[in-house]
Amino acid sequence: MLAESADLDPGAVVDPGIPRSPDAMPDFVLTDLDGNVVKLSDYTGQAVLLNFWATWCPPCKAELPDLVEIQNEFGGVDFTVVGVALDQAGPGKVQRFVDKYGINFPVLMGNQKVVVQYGNFRGIPTSFLLNTRHEQVKRYTGLVTKRQLERDLQNVIGGAA
């Protein structure tokens, strides 16, 4: 079972000054490992790989080296990986995991609400590749490889998606 949180502001809205496609994936309000509020709209103009995972998930651990390499190679102004940890143990445990595995991309603390927003998926890892308008280009259920991501990112960052 995924962690639930009543701490989110259900009335939060996206800044009206930021144009969003009607086909964009839902904006979310989560916190990073330091407790700072983060929204998908904070990444406006960037393609995003939104990766839902947990510290106790073997396939999640297996794909981490590829995600770290993807962030090293493609991360920057046009693209970023964003990890959403679905651990119930809290940010301290997740931070120790991030440090141990050398995760080089932002990690947010997820909850049941964001899982429902993104289709109420049941298994992890689950990842969503979003273009710069945050429209879903691809959904990966289960482990995603660097080779798959490289191919798909060439299309997204190159403007074909």
C-alpha atoms as a PDB file:
ATOM      1  CA  MET A   1       0.000   0.000   0.000  1.00  0.00           C
ATOM      2  CA  LEU A   2       1.258   3.487  -0.811  1.00  0.00           C
ATOM      3  CA  ALA A   3       1.545   6.236   1.748  1.00  0.00           C
ATOM      4  CA  GLU A   4      -1.275   8.716   2.045  1.00  0.00           C
ATOM      5  CA  SER A   5      -0.940  12.339   3.063  1.00  0.00           C
ATOM      6  CA  ALA A   6      -3.507  14.869   4.163  1.00  0.00           C
ATOM      7  CA  ASP A   7      -0.886  17.631   4.113  1.00  0.00           C
ATOM      8  CA  LEU A   8      -1.487  18.719   0.517  1.00  0.00           C
ATOM      9  CA  ASP A   9      -3.420  21.841  -0.298  1.00  0.00           C
ATOM     10  CA  PRO A  10      -6.337  20.569  -2.399  1.00  0.00           C
ATOM     11  CA  GLY A  11      -7.101  24.125  -3.459  1.00  0.00           C
ATOM     12  CA  ALA A  12      -3.642  24.815  -4.879  1.00  0.00           C
ATOM     13  CA  VAL A  13      -3.737  26.165  -8.418  1.00  0.00           C
ATOM     14  CA  VAL A  14      -1.133  26.592 -11.106  1.00  0.00           C
ATOM     15  CA  ASP A  15       0.174  30.138 -11.529  1.00  0.00           C
ATOM     16  CA  PRO A  16      -2.183  31.684 -14.104  1.00  0.00           C
ATOM     17  CA  GLY A  17       0.833  33.384 -15.730  1.00  0.00           C
ATOM     18  CA  ILE A  18       2.187  29.981 -16.813  1.00  0.00           C
ATOM     19  CA  PRO A  19       0.438  28.695 -19.929  1.00  0.00           C
ATOM     20  CA  ARG A  20      -0.364  24.972 -19.712  1.00  0.00           C
ATOM     21  CA  SER A  21      -1.623  22.697 -22.409  1.00  0.00           C
ATOM     22  CA  PRO A  22      -5.096  21.275 -21.776  1.00  0.00           C
ATOM     23  CA  ASP A  23      -3.486  17.889 -22.501  1.00  0.00           C
ATOM     24  CA  ALA A  24      -0.785  18.332 -19.864  1.00  0.00           C
ATOM     25  CA  MET A  25      -0.443  15.825 -17.064  1.00  0.00           C
ATOM     26  CA  PRO A  26      -1.831  17.017 -13.736  1.00  0.00           C
ATOM     27  CA  ASP A  27       0.197  19.459 -11.714  1.00  0.00           C
ATOM     28  CA  PHE A  28       1.102  18.100  -8.302  1.00  0.00           C
ATOM     29  CA  VAL A  29       2.176  19.583  -5.001  1.00  0.00           C
ATOM     30  CA  LEU A  30       4.793  17.448  -3.224  1.00  0.00           C
ATOM     31  CA  THR A  31       7.767  18.110  -0.984  1.00  0.00           C
ATOM     32  CA  ASP A  32      11.418  17.411  -1.619  1.00  0.00           C
ATOM     33  CA  LEU A  33      13.630  15.694   0.933  1.00  0.00           C
ATOM     34  CA  ASP A  34      14.258  19.023   2.695  1.00  0.00           C
ATOM     35  CA  GLY A  35      10.536  19.753   3.040  1.00  0.00           C
ATOM     36  CA  ASN A  36      10.375  22.355   0.250  1.00  0.00           C
ATOM     37  CA  VAL A  37       7.172  22.460  -1.804  1.00  0.00           C
ATOM     38  CA  VAL A  38       7.676  21.375  -5.431  1.00  0.00           C
ATOM     39  CA  LYS A  39       5.159  21.349  -8.283  1.00  0.00           C
ATOM     40  CA  LEU A  40       5.385  19.861 -11.762  1.00  0.00           C
ATOM     41  CA  SER A  41       4.802  23.392 -13.057  1.00  0.00           C
ATOM     42  CA  ASP A  42       8.148  24.363 -11.472  1.00  0.00           C
ATOM     43  CA  TYR A  43       9.665  22.525 -14.453  1.00  0.00           C
ATOM     44  CA  THR A  44       7.782  24.547 -17.080  1.00  0.00           C
ATOM     45  CA  GLY A  45       9.598  24.441 -20.401  1.00  0.00           C
ATOM     46  CA  GLN A  46      11.534  21.276 -19.519  1.00  0.00           C
ATOM     47  CA  ALA A  47      10.850  17.750 -20.642  1.00  0.00           C
ATOM     48  CA  VAL A  48      10.566  15.558 -17.532  1.00  0.00           C
ATOM     49  CA  LEU A  49      10.952  11.885 -16.785  1.00  0.00           C
ATOM     50  CA  LEU A  50       8.715  11.416 -13.751  1.00  0.00           C
ATOM     51  CA  ASN A  51       9.874   8.195 -12.073  1.00  0.00           C
ATOM     52  CA  PHE A  52       7.774   6.661  -9.277  1.00  0.00           C
ATOM     53  CA  TRP A  53       9.816   4.287  -7.117  1.00  0.00           C
ATOM     54  CA  ALA A  54      10.560   3.109  -3.571  1.00  0.00           C
ATOM     55  CA  THR A  55      13.688   2.164  -1.638  1.00  0.00           C
ATOM     56  CA  TRP A  56      12.403  -1.377  -1.015  1.00  0.00           C
ATOM     57  CA  CYS A  57      11.706  -2.122  -4.715  1.00  0.00           C
ATOM     58  CA  PRO A  58      14.355  -4.340  -6.438  1.00  0.00           C
ATOM     59  CA  PRO A  59      13.490  -3.262 -10.033  1.00  0.00           C
ATOM     60  CA  CYS A  60      13.608   0.365  -8.889  1.00  0.00           C
ATOM     61  CA  LYS A  61      17.131  -0.147  -7.574  1.00  0.00           C
ATOM     62  CA  ALA A  62      18.118  -1.947 -10.784  1.00  0.00           C
ATOM     63  CA  GLU A  63      17.111   0.978 -13.030  1.00  0.00           C
ATOM     64  CA  LEU A  64      18.772   3.683 -10.900  1.00  0.00           C
ATOM     65  CA  PRO A  65      22.221   3.535 -12.559  1.00  0.00           C
ATOM     66  CA  ASP A  66      20.572   4.114 -15.957  1.00  0.00           C
ATOM     67  CA  LEU A  67      18.512   7.035 -14.615  1.00  0.00           C
ATOM     68  CA  VAL A  68      21.630   8.602 -13.079  1.00  0.00           C
ATOM     69  CA  GLU A  69      23.421   8.271 -16.445  1.00  0.00           C
ATOM     70  CA  ILE A  70      20.424   9.734 -18.316  1.00  0.00           C
ATOM     71  CA  GLN A  71      20.448  12.718 -15.960  1.00  0.00           C
ATOM     72  CA  ASN A  72      24.216  13.108 -16.471  1.00  0.00           C
ATOM     73  CA  GLU A  73      23.898  13.000 -20.255  1.00  0.00           C
ATOM     74  CA  PHE A  74      20.624  14.834 -20.890  1.00  0.00           C
ATOM     75  CA  GLY A  75      19.838  16.757 -17.689  1.00  0.00           C
ATOM     76  CA  GLY A  76      19.919  20.536 -17.838  1.00  0.00           C
ATOM     77  CA  VAL A  77      17.813  23.355 -19.189  1.00  0.00           C
ATOM     78  CA  ASP A  78      15.749  21.155 -21.544  1.00  0.00           C
ATOM     79  CA  PHE A  79      15.271  18.009 -19.448  1.00  0.00           C
ATOM     80  CA  THR A  80      15.372  16.536 -15.974  1.00  0.00           C
ATOM     81  CA  VAL A  81      14.576  13.297 -14.231  1.00  0.00           C
ATOM     82  CA  VAL A  82      12.320  13.773 -11.200  1.00  0.00           C
ATOM     83  CA  GLY A  83      12.051  10.867  -8.774  1.00  0.00           C
ATOM     84  CA  VAL A  84       8.901  10.400  -6.698  1.00  0.00           C
ATOM     85  CA  ALA A  85       9.607   8.142  -3.726  1.00  0.00           C
ATOM     86  CA  LEU A  86       6.569   6.227  -2.501  1.00  0.00           C
ATOM     87  CA  ASP A  87       8.138   5.155   0.790  1.00  0.00           C
ATOM     88  CA  GLN A  88       6.155   5.287   4.003  1.00  0.00           C
ATOM     89  CA  ALA A  89       9.320   5.435   6.152  1.00  0.00           C
ATOM     90  CA  GLY A  90       9.819   9.140   5.498  1.00  0.00           C
ATOM     91  CA  PRO A  91      12.363  11.471   3.927  1.00  0.00           C
ATOM     92  CA  GLY A  92      15.243  10.487   6.253  1.00  0.00           C
ATOM     93  CA  LYS A  93      15.322   6.932   4.949  1.00  0.00           C
ATOM     94  CA  VAL A  94      14.917   8.131   1.365  1.00  0.00           C
ATOM     95  CA  GLN A  95      17.780  10.638   1.807  1.00  0.00           C
ATOM     96  CA  ARG A  96      20.102   7.872   3.050  1.00  0.00           C
ATOM     97  CA  PHE A  97      19.132   5.796  -0.009  1.00  0.00           C
ATOM     98  CA  VAL A  98      19.733   8.774  -2.347  1.00  0.00           C
ATOM     99  CA  ASP A  99      23.179   9.302  -0.834  1.00  0.00           C
ATOM    100  CA  LYS A 100      24.069   5.596  -0.999  1.00  0.00           C
ATOM    101  CA  TYR A 101      23.088   5.246  -4.671  1.00  0.00           C
ATOM    102  CA  GLY A 102      24.401   8.637  -5.845  1.00  0.00           C
ATOM    103  CA  ILE A 103      21.067   9.851  -7.166  1.00  0.00           C
ATOM    104  CA  ASN A 104      21.758  13.094  -9.012  1.00  0.00           C
ATOM    105  CA  PHE A 105      18.231  14.282  -9.761  1.00  0.00           C
ATOM    106  CA  PRO A 106      15.484  15.824  -7.623  1.00  0.00           C
ATOM    107  CA  VAL A 107      13.622  13.372  -5.383  1.00  0.00           C
ATOM    108  CA  LEU A 108      10.184  14.177  -4.021  1.00  0.00           C
ATOM    109  CA  MET A 109       8.093  12.407  -1.413  1.00  0.00           C
ATOM    110  CA  GLY A 110       5.034  10.952  -3.117  1.00  0.00           C
ATOM    111  CA  ASN A 111       1.678   9.880  -1.747  1.00  0.00           C
ATOM    112  CA  GLN A 112      -1.532   8.144  -2.774  1.00  0.00           C
ATOM    113  CA  LYS A 113      -3.016  11.373  -4.130  1.00  0.00           C
ATOM    114  CA  VAL A 114      -0.314  11.780  -6.788  1.00  0.00           C
ATOM    115  CA  VAL A 115      -0.590   8.078  -7.701  1.00  0.00           C
ATOM    116  CA  VAL A 116      -4.320   8.567  -8.297  1.00  0.00           C
ATOM    117  CA  GLN A 117      -3.653  11.759 -10.289  1.00  0.00           C
ATOM    118  CA  TYR A 118      -1.359   9.791 -12.583  1.00  0.00           C
ATOM    119  CA  GLY A 119      -3.765   6.951 -13.342  1.00  0.00           C
ATOM    120  CA  ASN A 120      -3.848   4.996 -10.077  1.00  0.00           C
ATOM    121  CA  PHE A 121      -1.094   2.654 -11.265  1.00  0.00           C
ATOM    122  CA  ARG A 122      -0.447  -0.381  -9.085  1.00  0.00           C
ATOM    123  CA  GLY A 123       3.183  -1.361  -9.718  1.00  0.00           C
ATOM    124  CA  ILE A 124       6.507   0.363  -9.423  1.00  0.00           C
ATOM    125  CA  PRO A 125       8.667   1.463 -10.951  1.00  0.00           C
ATOM    126  CA  THR A 126       6.324   3.405 -13.190  1.00  0.00           C
ATOM    127  CA  SER A 127       7.657   6.330 -15.201  1.00  0.00           C
ATOM    128  CA  PHE A 128       6.116   8.994 -17.390  1.00  0.00           C
ATOM    129  CA  LEU A 129       8.072  10.801 -20.082  1.00  0.00           C
ATOM    130  CA  LEU A 130       6.596  14.270 -20.488  1.00  0.00           C
ATOM    131  CA  ASN A 131       7.423  16.743 -23.238  1.00  0.00           C
ATOM    132  CA  THR A 132       8.119  20.427 -22.556  1.00  0.00           C
ATOM    133  CA  ARG A 133       4.350  21.094 -22.372  1.00  0.00           C
ATOM    134  CA  HIS A 134       4.150  18.259 -19.792  1.00  0.00           C
ATOM    135  CA  GLU A 135       2.015  16.120 -22.066  1.00  0.00           C
ATOM    136  CA  GLN A 136       2.595  12.394 -21.684  1.00  0.00           C
ATOM    137  CA  VAL A 137       4.759  11.069 -24.488  1.00  0.00           C
ATOM    138  CA  LYS A 138       5.398   7.631 -23.017  1.00  0.00           C
ATOM    139  CA  ARG A 139       4.485   5.567 -19.970  1.00  0.00           C
ATOM    140  CA  TYR A 140       6.883   2.894 -18.792  1.00  0.00           C
ATOM    141  CA  THR A 141       5.475   0.199 -16.536  1.00  0.00           C
ATOM    142  CA  GLY A 142       8.302  -1.638 -14.829  1.00  0.00           C
ATOM    143  CA  LEU A 143      12.007  -1.150 -15.274  1.00  0.00           C
ATOM    144  CA  VAL A 144      13.031   1.231 -18.057  1.00  0.00           C
ATOM    145  CA  THR A 145      16.465   0.957 -19.654  1.00  0.00           C
ATOM    146  CA  LYS A 146      18.912   3.647 -20.669  1.00  0.00           C
ATOM    147  CA  ARG A 147      18.627   2.488 -24.277  1.00  0.00           C
ATOM    148  CA  GLN A 148      14.835   2.975 -24.278  1.00  0.00           C
ATOM    149  CA  LEU A 149      15.150   6.391 -22.674  1.00  0.00           C
ATOM    150  CA  GLU A 150      17.887   7.573 -25.035  1.00  0.00           C
ATOM    151  CA  ARG A 151      15.755   6.711 -28.052  1.00  0.00           C
ATOM    152  CA  ASP A 152      12.631   8.337 -26.646  1.00  0.00           C
ATOM    153  CA  LEU A 153      14.462  11.412 -25.365  1.00  0.00           C
ATOM    154  CA  GLN A 154      15.978  12.090 -28.789  1.00  0.00           C
ATOM    155  CA  ASN A 155      12.413  12.458 -30.085  1.00  0.00           C
ATOM    156  CA  VAL A 156      11.206  14.589 -27.157  1.00  0.00           C
ATOM    157  CA  ILE A 157      14.167  16.933 -26.820  1.00  0.00           C
ATOM    158  CA  GLY A 158      14.545  17.121 -30.590  1.00  0.00           C
ATOM    159  CA  GLY A 159      10.980  18.440 -30.809  1.00  0.00           C
ATOM    160  CA  ALA A 160       9.387  15.472 -32.546  1.00  0.00           C
ATOM    161  CA  ALA A 161       7.011  14.746 -29.659  1.00  0.00           C
END
